Protein backbone atom coordinates (compact mmCIF):
# COMPACT_ATOMS: atom_id res chain seq x y z
CA UNK A 1 0.00 0.00 0.00
CA UNK A 2 2.89 2.35 -0.60
CA UNK A 3 1.24 4.02 -3.61
CA UNK A 4 -1.93 5.26 -1.92
CA UNK A 5 -3.87 7.99 -3.66
CA UNK A 6 -7.04 9.88 -2.80
CA UNK A 7 -8.92 7.37 -4.96
CA UNK A 8 -7.94 4.23 -3.03
CA UNK A 9 -7.07 5.40 0.50
CA UNK A 10 -9.25 5.59 3.58
CA UNK A 11 -8.77 5.93 7.30
CA UNK A 12 -10.14 3.93 10.22
CA UNK A 13 -10.34 5.97 13.40
CA UNK A 14 -9.32 4.63 16.80
CA UNK A 15 -12.24 2.63 18.21
CA UNK A 16 -14.33 3.11 15.07
CA UNK A 17 -14.74 -0.64 14.52
CA UNK A 18 -15.05 -1.65 18.20
CA UNK A 19 -18.73 -2.60 17.85
CA UNK A 20 -18.26 -4.57 14.64
CA UNK A 21 -18.04 -8.36 14.46
CA UNK A 22 -14.74 -10.11 15.11
CA UNK A 23 -12.98 -11.74 12.16
CA UNK A 24 -10.03 -14.10 11.82
CA UNK A 25 -7.98 -15.40 8.95
CA UNK A 26 -9.90 -18.25 7.31
CA UNK A 27 -13.34 -16.84 8.16
CA UNK A 28 -15.53 -16.32 5.09
CA UNK A 29 -17.30 -13.15 4.07
CA UNK A 30 -20.16 -12.40 1.70
CA UNK A 31 -18.68 -10.82 -1.42
CA UNK A 32 -20.28 -7.51 -2.36
CA UNK A 33 -19.18 -8.01 -5.97
CA UNK A 34 -20.24 -11.55 -6.95
CA UNK A 35 -22.38 -12.56 -3.97
CA UNK A 36 -20.23 -15.61 -3.24
CA UNK A 37 -18.38 -16.49 -0.05
CA UNK A 38 -14.64 -15.85 0.08
CA UNK A 39 -12.11 -16.68 2.84
CA UNK A 40 -10.19 -13.93 4.58
CA UNK A 41 -6.43 -13.95 4.27
CA UNK A 42 -3.67 -11.91 5.86
CA UNK A 43 -0.52 -10.77 4.17
CA UNK A 44 3.19 -10.30 4.68
CA UNK A 45 4.66 -7.51 6.76
CA UNK A 46 6.97 -5.76 4.32
CA UNK A 47 9.38 -4.68 7.07
CA UNK A 48 9.77 -8.03 8.86
CA UNK A 49 8.79 -10.51 6.16
CA UNK A 50 6.52 -12.25 8.67
CA UNK A 51 2.91 -13.24 8.16
CA UNK A 52 0.56 -10.48 9.39
CA UNK A 53 -3.20 -10.52 9.99
CA UNK A 54 -3.70 -6.86 10.92
CA UNK A 55 -5.39 -6.36 7.55
CA UNK A 56 -7.62 -9.18 6.32
CA UNK A 57 -8.62 -9.27 2.66
CA UNK A 58 -10.53 -11.50 0.29
CA UNK A 59 -10.02 -12.09 -3.40
CA UNK A 60 -12.77 -12.03 -6.01
CA UNK A 61 -11.56 -12.66 -9.53
CA UNK A 62 -8.29 -10.77 -9.95
CA UNK A 63 -9.14 -8.10 -7.37
CA UNK A 64 -8.32 -7.97 -3.65
CA UNK A 65 -10.76 -6.35 -1.18
CA UNK A 66 -10.11 -5.20 2.36
CA UNK A 67 -12.64 -6.70 4.80
CA UNK A 68 -11.22 -6.34 8.32
CA UNK A 69 -8.75 -4.22 10.28
CA UNK A 70 -7.33 -5.25 13.63
CA UNK A 71 -9.62 -8.27 13.87
CA UNK A 72 -12.84 -6.32 13.26
CA UNK A 73 -14.95 -6.37 10.10
CA UNK A 74 -15.40 -3.14 8.20
CA UNK A 75 -18.91 -1.72 8.01
CA UNK A 76 -21.16 -3.52 5.49
CA UNK A 77 -19.00 -6.69 5.53
CA UNK A 78 -20.71 -9.86 6.78
CA UNK A 79 -19.41 -13.27 7.81
CA UNK A 80 -20.99 -16.32 6.12
CA UNK A 81 -20.57 -20.07 6.16
CA UNK A 82 -17.38 -21.58 4.76
CA UNK A 83 -16.55 -20.91 1.11
CA UNK A 84 -16.80 -23.60 -1.51
CA UNK A 85 -13.63 -24.85 -3.19
CA UNK A 86 -14.44 -22.67 -6.21
CA UNK A 87 -14.40 -19.56 -4.00
CA UNK A 88 -10.96 -20.24 -2.50
């Protein structure tokens, strides 16, 4: 996320997501694009090279979508039952 612009950047204020549902890597969310269920995945910390789950995203097609920050779902993101193999 080093090339953030006004078009693709947003901020999450301290405590803003406190009331939202908890989410963990491997949980599945309802995709707002295709309607399917996609598993959440973390990424790699670019400074340490270690696996990091601070930001949880899901992939739909060739695009990656942010779904959770600090273990809390973003607004309008919902957990669903486990994804099918086609959704992984």
